[in-house]
Amino acid sequence: THATTMGVGKRVFDVKVENQTALANFDIFAEAGGNTALVKTLPVTIADGQLNVEFIHRVQNPTISAIELISTTTADTQA
């Protein structure tokens, strides 16, 4: 039920981005509280043209509602 996944320590997971652990033992309720939006910024370099994101179960199942990708570049644009 919903009540079993609400509370500190009741939904914990890892987030891997491009095969690197970006968040370890992430307790979403401890970070965001109840039904509150939470923003995490996870900078990443994509070398192969494909973004790989994994959510790894620790306690209950990982849950997210949205992911926003913002492209940036650090390449030298001078000719």
PDB file of N, CA and C in Angstrom:
ATOM      1  N   THR A   1       0.830  -1.191   0.000  1.00  0.00           N
ATOM      2  CA  THR A   1       0.000   0.000   0.000  1.00  0.00           C
ATOM      3  C   THR A   1       0.867   1.245   0.000  1.00  0.00           C
ATOM      4  N   HIS A   2       0.233   2.371  -0.259  1.00  0.00           N
ATOM      5  CA  HIS A   2       0.934   3.655  -0.322  1.00  0.00           C
ATOM      6  C   HIS A   2       1.611   3.970   1.017  1.00  0.00           C
ATOM      7  N   ALA A   3       0.968   3.664   2.122  1.00  0.00           N
ATOM      8  CA  ALA A   3       1.507   3.985   3.444  1.00  0.00           C
ATOM      9  C   ALA A   3       2.818   3.259   3.718  1.00  0.00           C
ATOM     10  N   THR A   4       3.009   2.087   3.133  1.00  0.00           N
ATOM     11  CA  THR A   4       4.235   1.342   3.405  1.00  0.00           C
ATOM     12  C   THR A   4       5.447   1.931   2.703  1.00  0.00           C
ATOM     13  N   THR A   5       5.248   2.835   1.740  1.00  0.00           N
ATOM     14  CA  THR A   5       6.372   3.442   1.040  1.00  0.00           C
ATOM     15  C   THR A   5       6.578   4.902   1.421  1.00  0.00           C
ATOM     16  N   MET A   6       5.757   5.433   2.309  1.00  0.00           N
ATOM     17  CA  MET A   6       5.883   6.818   2.748  1.00  0.00           C
ATOM     18  C   MET A   6       6.611   6.855   4.087  1.00  0.00           C
ATOM     19  N   GLY A   7       7.710   7.548   4.125  1.00  0.00           N
ATOM     20  CA  GLY A   7       8.447   7.696   5.366  1.00  0.00           C
ATOM     21  C   GLY A   7       9.932   7.480   5.139  1.00  0.00           C
ATOM     22  N   VAL A   8      10.714   8.041   6.026  1.00  0.00           N
ATOM     23  CA  VAL A   8      12.168   7.931   5.941  1.00  0.00           C
ATOM     24  C   VAL A   8      12.563   6.459   6.001  1.00  0.00           C
ATOM     25  N   GLY A   9      13.421   6.060   5.077  1.00  0.00           N
ATOM     26  CA  GLY A   9      13.934   4.698   5.040  1.00  0.00           C
ATOM     27  C   GLY A   9      13.036   3.687   4.352  1.00  0.00           C
ATOM     28  N   LYS A  10      11.884   4.126   3.832  1.00  0.00           N
ATOM     29  CA  LYS A  10      10.934   3.182   3.237  1.00  0.00           C
ATOM     30  C   LYS A  10      11.015   3.104   1.718  1.00  0.00           C
ATOM     31  N   ARG A  11      11.760   4.005   1.075  1.00  0.00           N
ATOM     32  CA  ARG A  11      11.983   3.932  -0.374  1.00  0.00           C
ATOM     33  C   ARG A  11      13.380   4.486  -0.628  1.00  0.00           C
ATOM     34  N   VAL A  12      14.325   3.585  -0.799  1.00  0.00           N
ATOM     35  CA  VAL A  12      15.730   3.952  -0.936  1.00  0.00           C
ATOM     36  C   VAL A  12      16.287   3.289  -2.197  1.00  0.00           C
ATOM     37  N   PHE A  13      17.014   4.061  -3.003  1.00  0.00           N
ATOM     38  CA  PHE A  13      17.586   3.504  -4.219  1.00  0.00           C
ATOM     39  C   PHE A  13      18.841   4.255  -4.630  1.00  0.00           C
ATOM     40  N   ASP A  14      19.612   3.634  -5.502  1.00  0.00           N
ATOM     41  CA  ASP A  14      20.783   4.274  -6.091  1.00  0.00           C
ATOM     42  C   ASP A  14      20.399   4.772  -7.481  1.00  0.00           C
ATOM     43  N   VAL A  15      21.091   5.807  -7.925  1.00  0.00           N
ATOM     44  CA  VAL A  15      20.926   6.297  -9.289  1.00  0.00           C
ATOM     45  C   VAL A  15      22.311   6.285  -9.933  1.00  0.00           C
ATOM     46  N   LYS A  16      22.409   5.563 -11.045  1.00  0.00           N
ATOM     47  CA  LYS A  16      23.654   5.534 -11.819  1.00  0.00           C
ATOM     48  C   LYS A  16      23.409   6.269 -13.134  1.00  0.00           C
ATOM     49  N   VAL A  17      24.350   7.135 -13.490  1.00  0.00           N
ATOM     50  CA  VAL A  17      24.288   7.871 -14.742  1.00  0.00           C
ATOM     51  C   VAL A  17      25.598   7.609 -15.480  1.00  0.00           C
ATOM     52  N   GLU A  18      25.473   7.103 -16.702  1.00  0.00           N
ATOM     53  CA  GLU A  18      26.655   6.749 -17.489  1.00  0.00           C
ATOM     54  C   GLU A  18      27.587   5.810 -16.700  1.00  0.00           C
ATOM     55  N   ASN A  19      26.990   4.820 -16.049  1.00  0.00           N
ATOM     56  CA  ASN A  19      27.698   3.781 -15.289  1.00  0.00           C
ATOM     57  C   ASN A  19      28.454   4.306 -14.066  1.00  0.00           C
ATOM     58  N   GLN A  20      28.155   5.511 -13.641  1.00  0.00           N
ATOM     59  CA  GLN A  20      28.757   6.087 -12.436  1.00  0.00           C
ATOM     60  C   GLN A  20      27.652   6.347 -11.418  1.00  0.00           C
ATOM     61  N   THR A  21      27.875   5.983 -10.163  1.00  0.00           N
ATOM     62  CA  THR A  21      26.874   6.222  -9.130  1.00  0.00           C
ATOM     63  C   THR A  21      26.777   7.725  -8.875  1.00  0.00           C
ATOM     64  N   ALA A  22      25.612   8.287  -9.174  1.00  0.00           N
ATOM     65  CA  ALA A  22      25.370   9.716  -8.964  1.00  0.00           C
ATOM     66  C   ALA A  22      24.710   9.956  -7.613  1.00  0.00           C
ATOM     67  N   LEU A  23      23.860   9.030  -7.167  1.00  0.00           N
ATOM     68  CA  LEU A  23      23.215   9.090  -5.859  1.00  0.00           C
ATOM     69  C   LEU A  23      23.256   7.686  -5.262  1.00  0.00           C
ATOM     70  N   ALA A  24      23.834   7.553  -4.082  1.00  0.00           N
ATOM     71  CA  ALA A  24      23.913   6.259  -3.412  1.00  0.00           C
ATOM     72  C   ALA A  24      22.979   6.261  -2.209  1.00  0.00           C
ATOM     73  N   ASN A  25      22.226   5.172  -2.065  1.00  0.00           N
ATOM     74  CA  ASN A  25      21.294   5.033  -0.945  1.00  0.00           C
ATOM     75  C   ASN A  25      20.417   6.277  -0.807  1.00  0.00           C
ATOM     76  N   PHE A  26      19.877   6.717  -1.923  1.00  0.00           N
ATOM     77  CA  PHE A  26      19.059   7.919  -1.975  1.00  0.00           C
ATOM     78  C   PHE A  26      17.697   7.637  -1.341  1.00  0.00           C
ATOM     79  N   ASP A  27      17.406   8.332  -0.262  1.00  0.00           N
ATOM     80  CA  ASP A  27      16.134   8.194   0.452  1.00  0.00           C
ATOM     81  C   ASP A  27      15.261   9.373   0.036  1.00  0.00           C
ATOM     82  N   ILE A  28      14.408   9.126  -0.932  1.00  0.00           N
ATOM     83  CA  ILE A  28      13.636  10.213  -1.533  1.00  0.00           C
ATOM     84  C   ILE A  28      12.716  10.905  -0.518  1.00  0.00           C
ATOM     85  N   PHE A  29      12.152  10.162   0.411  1.00  0.00           N
ATOM     86  CA  PHE A  29      11.271  10.772   1.400  1.00  0.00           C
ATOM     87  C   PHE A  29      12.061  11.649   2.372  1.00  0.00           C
ATOM     88  N   ALA A  30      13.252  11.202   2.769  1.00  0.00           N
ATOM     89  CA  ALA A  30      14.092  12.007   3.664  1.00  0.00           C
ATOM     90  C   ALA A  30      14.494  13.320   2.991  1.00  0.00           C
ATOM     91  N   GLU A  31      14.686  13.286   1.681  1.00  0.00           N
ATOM     92  CA  GLU A  31      15.084  14.484   0.932  1.00  0.00           C
ATOM     93  C   GLU A  31      13.914  15.417   0.643  1.00  0.00           C
ATOM     94  N   ALA A  32      12.773  14.838   0.220  1.00  0.00           N
ATOM     95  CA  ALA A  32      11.672  15.664  -0.272  1.00  0.00           C
ATOM     96  C   ALA A  32      10.488  15.744   0.669  1.00  0.00           C
ATOM     97  N   GLY A  33      10.399  14.851   1.624  1.00  0.00           N
ATOM     98  CA  GLY A  33       9.213  14.809   2.469  1.00  0.00           C
ATOM     99  C   GLY A  33       8.079  14.125   1.742  1.00  0.00           C
ATOM    100  N   GLY A  34       6.868  14.557   1.951  1.00  0.00           N
ATOM    101  CA  GLY A  34       5.689  13.943   1.328  1.00  0.00           C
ATOM    102  C   GLY A  34       5.652  14.146  -0.170  1.00  0.00           C
ATOM    103  N   ASN A  35       4.520  14.487  -0.700  1.00  0.00           N
ATOM    104  CA  ASN A  35       4.355  14.686  -2.136  1.00  0.00           C
ATOM    105  C   ASN A  35       4.861  16.063  -2.546  1.00  0.00           C
ATOM    106  N   THR A  36       6.169  16.235  -2.475  1.00  0.00           N
ATOM    107  CA  THR A  36       6.814  17.501  -2.772  1.00  0.00           C
ATOM    108  C   THR A  36       7.809  17.303  -3.904  1.00  0.00           C
ATOM    109  N   ALA A  37       7.859  18.221  -4.829  1.00  0.00           N
ATOM    110  CA  ALA A  37       8.829  18.140  -5.920  1.00  0.00           C
ATOM    111  C   ALA A  37      10.236  18.286  -5.364  1.00  0.00           C
ATOM    112  N   LEU A  38      11.143  17.541  -5.942  1.00  0.00           N
ATOM    113  CA  LEU A  38      12.547  17.596  -5.550  1.00  0.00           C
ATOM    114  C   LEU A  38      13.373  17.728  -6.814  1.00  0.00           C
ATOM    115  N   VAL A  39      14.307  18.664  -6.824  1.00  0.00           N
ATOM    116  CA  VAL A  39      15.166  18.873  -7.981  1.00  0.00           C
ATOM    117  C   VAL A  39      16.579  18.448  -7.607  1.00  0.00           C
ATOM    118  N   LYS A  40      17.152  17.569  -8.408  1.00  0.00           N
ATOM    119  CA  LYS A  40      18.546  17.156  -8.252  1.00  0.00           C
ATOM    120  C   LYS A  40      19.251  17.474  -9.555  1.00  0.00           C
ATOM    121  N   THR A  41      20.410  18.098  -9.492  1.00  0.00           N
ATOM    122  CA  THR A  41      21.207  18.383 -10.672  1.00  0.00           C
ATOM    123  C   THR A  41      22.372  17.410 -10.692  1.00  0.00           C
ATOM    124  N   LEU A  42      22.452  16.631 -11.763  1.00  0.00           N
ATOM    125  CA  LEU A  42      23.491  15.617 -11.893  1.00  0.00           C
ATOM    126  C   LEU A  42      24.241  15.848 -13.198  1.00  0.00           C
ATOM    127  N   PRO A  43      25.303  16.662 -13.176  1.00  0.00           N
ATOM    128  CA  PRO A  43      26.057  16.919 -14.408  1.00  0.00           C
ATOM    129  C   PRO A  43      26.691  15.619 -14.917  1.00  0.00           C
ATOM    130  N   VAL A  44      26.685  15.455 -16.225  1.00  0.00           N
ATOM    131  CA  VAL A  44      27.231  14.238 -16.816  1.00  0.00           C
ATOM    132  C   VAL A  44      27.776  14.540 -18.200  1.00  0.00           C
ATOM    133  N   THR A  45      28.819  13.840 -18.570  1.00  0.00           N
ATOM    134  CA  THR A  45      29.347  13.923 -19.923  1.00  0.00           C
ATOM    135  C   THR A  45      28.933  12.664 -20.660  1.00  0.00           C
ATOM    136  N   ILE A  46      28.341  12.842 -21.828  1.00  0.00           N
ATOM    137  CA  ILE A  46      27.898  11.714 -22.640  1.00  0.00           C
ATOM    138  C   ILE A  46      28.866  11.583 -23.807  1.00  0.00           C
ATOM    139  N   ALA A  47      29.603  10.475 -23.834  1.00  0.00           N
ATOM    140  CA  ALA A  47      30.624  10.279 -24.855  1.00  0.00           C
ATOM    141  C   ALA A  47      30.110   9.513 -26.069  1.00  0.00           C
ATOM    142  N   ASP A  48      29.048   8.730 -25.907  1.00  0.00           N
ATOM    143  CA  ASP A  48      28.602   7.849 -26.986  1.00  0.00           C
ATOM    144  C   ASP A  48      27.291   8.282 -27.626  1.00  0.00           C
ATOM    145  N   GLY A  49      26.787   9.478 -27.290  1.00  0.00           N
ATOM    146  CA  GLY A  49      25.557   9.962 -27.877  1.00  0.00           C
ATOM    147  C   GLY A  49      24.292   9.404 -27.254  1.00  0.00           C
ATOM    148  N   GLN A  50      24.414   8.617 -26.199  1.00  0.00           N
ATOM    149  CA  GLN A  50      23.251   8.006 -25.541  1.00  0.00           C
ATOM    150  C   GLN A  50      23.381   8.156 -24.034  1.00  0.00           C
ATOM    151  N   LEU A  51      22.355   8.713 -23.400  1.00  0.00           N
ATOM    152  CA  LEU A  51      22.333   8.866 -21.949  1.00  0.00           C
ATOM    153  C   LEU A  51      21.824   7.582 -21.312  1.00  0.00           C
ATOM    154  N   ASN A  52      22.603   7.013 -20.408  1.00  0.00           N
ATOM    155  CA  ASN A  52      22.218   5.800 -19.691  1.00  0.00           C
ATOM    156  C   ASN A  52      21.968   6.142 -18.228  1.00  0.00           C
ATOM    157  N   VAL A  53      20.745   5.856 -17.773  1.00  0.00           N
ATOM    158  CA  VAL A  53      20.359   6.103 -16.388  1.00  0.00           C
ATOM    159  C   VAL A  53      19.809   4.797 -15.820  1.00  0.00           C
ATOM    160  N   GLU A  54      20.277   4.409 -14.646  1.00  0.00           N
ATOM    161  CA  GLU A  54      19.791   3.201 -13.972  1.00  0.00           C
ATOM    162  C   GLU A  54      19.302   3.568 -12.573  1.00  0.00           C
ATOM    163  N   PHE A  55      18.211   2.949 -12.163  1.00  0.00           N
ATOM    164  CA  PHE A  55      17.684   3.103 -10.814  1.00  0.00           C
ATOM    165  C   PHE A  55      17.798   1.740 -10.148  1.00  0.00           C
ATOM    166  N   ILE A  56      18.560   1.665  -9.060  1.00  0.00           N
ATOM    167  CA  ILE A  56      18.882   0.383  -8.433  1.00  0.00           C
ATOM    168  C   ILE A  56      18.152   0.259  -7.107  1.00  0.00           C
ATOM    169  N   HIS A  57      17.338  -0.770  -7.011  1.00  0.00           N
ATOM    170  CA  HIS A  57      16.511  -1.074  -5.845  1.00  0.00           C
ATOM    171  C   HIS A  57      17.372  -1.300  -4.599  1.00  0.00           C
ATOM    172  N   ARG A  58      17.011  -0.652  -3.515  1.00  0.00           N
ATOM    173  CA  ARG A  58      17.589  -0.914  -2.180  1.00  0.00           C
ATOM    174  C   ARG A  58      16.445  -1.284  -1.233  1.00  0.00           C
ATOM    175  N   VAL A  59      15.503  -0.365  -1.030  1.00  0.00           N
ATOM    176  CA  VAL A  59      14.318  -0.601  -0.206  1.00  0.00           C
ATOM    177  C   VAL A  59      13.114  -0.188  -1.040  1.00  0.00           C
ATOM    178  N   GLN A  60      12.162  -1.083  -1.210  1.00  0.00           N
ATOM    179  CA  GLN A  60      11.014  -0.874  -2.103  1.00  0.00           C
ATOM    180  C   GLN A  60      11.531  -0.625  -3.518  1.00  0.00           C
ATOM    181  N   ASN A  61      10.711  -0.108  -4.383  1.00  0.00           N
ATOM    182  CA  ASN A  61      11.122   0.148  -5.761  1.00  0.00           C
ATOM    183  C   ASN A  61      11.419   1.627  -5.974  1.00  0.00           C
ATOM    184  N   PRO A  62      12.419   1.934  -6.802  1.00  0.00           N
ATOM    185  CA  PRO A  62      12.693   3.332  -7.126  1.00  0.00           C
ATOM    186  C   PRO A  62      11.467   3.976  -7.753  1.00  0.00           C
ATOM    187  N   THR A  63      11.310   5.268  -7.516  1.00  0.00           N
ATOM    188  CA  THR A  63      10.212   5.995  -8.150  1.00  0.00           C
ATOM    189  C   THR A  63      10.669   7.400  -8.510  1.00  0.00           C
ATOM    190  N   ILE A  64      10.289   7.828  -9.698  1.00  0.00           N
ATOM    191  CA  ILE A  64      10.492   9.202 -10.133  1.00  0.00           C
ATOM    192  C   ILE A  64       9.263   9.602 -10.931  1.00  0.00           C
ATOM    193  N   SER A  65       9.020  10.878 -11.040  1.00  0.00           N
ATOM    194  CA  SER A  65       7.872  11.354 -11.811  1.00  0.00           C
ATOM    195  C   SER A  65       8.297  12.040 -13.096  1.00  0.00           C
ATOM    196  N   ALA A  66       9.502  12.576 -13.139  1.00  0.00           N
ATOM    197  CA  ALA A  66       9.944  13.276 -14.335  1.00  0.00           C
ATOM    198  C   ALA A  66      11.458  13.414 -14.335  1.00  0.00           C
ATOM    199  N   ILE A  67      11.995  13.498 -15.537  1.00  0.00           N
ATOM    200  CA  ILE A  67      13.412  13.797 -15.731  1.00  0.00           C
ATOM    201  C   ILE A  67      13.492  14.911 -16.768  1.00  0.00           C
ATOM    202  N   GLU A  68      14.260  15.952 -16.471  1.00  0.00           N
ATOM    203  CA  GLU A  68      14.482  17.025 -17.431  1.00  0.00           C
ATOM    204  C   GLU A  68      15.951  17.000 -17.831  1.00  0.00           C
ATOM    205  N   LEU A  69      16.202  16.990 -19.116  1.00  0.00           N
ATOM    206  CA  LEU A  69      17.557  17.023 -19.641  1.00  0.00           C
ATOM    207  C   LEU A  69      17.830  18.396 -20.216  1.00  0.00           C
ATOM    208  N   ILE A  70      18.939  18.980 -19.805  1.00  0.00           N
ATOM    209  CA  ILE A  70      19.333  20.283 -20.312  1.00  0.00           C
ATOM    210  C   ILE A  70      20.723  20.129 -20.921  1.00  0.00           C
ATOM    211  N   SER A  71      20.825  20.356 -22.198  1.00  0.00           N
ATOM    212  CA  SER A  71      22.079  20.209 -22.906  1.00  0.00           C
ATOM    213  C   SER A  71      22.929  21.460 -22.719  1.00  0.00           C
ATOM    214  N   THR A  72      24.168  21.238 -22.387  1.00  0.00           N
ATOM    215  CA  THR A  72      25.136  22.330 -22.304  1.00  0.00           C
ATOM    216  C   THR A  72      26.371  21.884 -23.079  1.00  0.00           C
ATOM    217  N   THR A  73      27.209  22.821 -23.388  1.00  0.00           N
ATOM    218  CA  THR A  73      28.438  22.462 -24.087  1.00  0.00           C
ATOM    219  C   THR A  73      29.599  23.215 -23.478  1.00  0.00           C
ATOM    220  N   THR A  74      30.720  22.563 -23.420  1.00  0.00           N
ATOM    221  CA  THR A  74      31.952  23.218 -22.950  1.00  0.00           C
ATOM    222  C   THR A  74      32.976  23.276 -24.070  1.00  0.00           C
ATOM    223  N   ALA A  75      32.575  22.885 -25.273  1.00  0.00           N
ATOM    224  CA  ALA A  75      33.486  22.873 -26.421  1.00  0.00           C
ATOM    225  C   ALA A  75      33.883  24.297 -26.795  1.00  0.00           C
ATOM    226  N   ASP A  76      35.099  24.438 -27.244  1.00  0.00           N
ATOM    227  CA  ASP A  76      35.593  25.728 -27.717  1.00  0.00           C
ATOM    228  C   ASP A  76      34.931  26.032 -29.052  1.00  0.00           C
ATOM    229  N   THR A  77      34.184  27.128 -29.127  1.00  0.00           N
ATOM    230  CA  THR A  77      33.447  27.452 -30.343  1.00  0.00           C
ATOM    231  C   THR A  77      34.191  28.444 -31.233  1.00  0.00           C
ATOM    232  N   GLN A  78      35.399  28.812 -30.863  1.00  0.00           N
ATOM    233  CA  GLN A  78      36.171  29.736 -31.693  1.00  0.00           C
ATOM    234  C   GLN A  78      36.755  28.987 -32.897  1.00  0.00           C
ATOM    235  N   ALA A  79      36.760  29.657 -34.051  1.00  0.00           N
ATOM    236  CA  ALA A  79      37.299  29.031 -35.262  1.00  0.00           C
ATOM    237  C   ALA A  79      38.804  29.136 -35.298  1.00  0.00           C
TER     238      ALA A  79
END
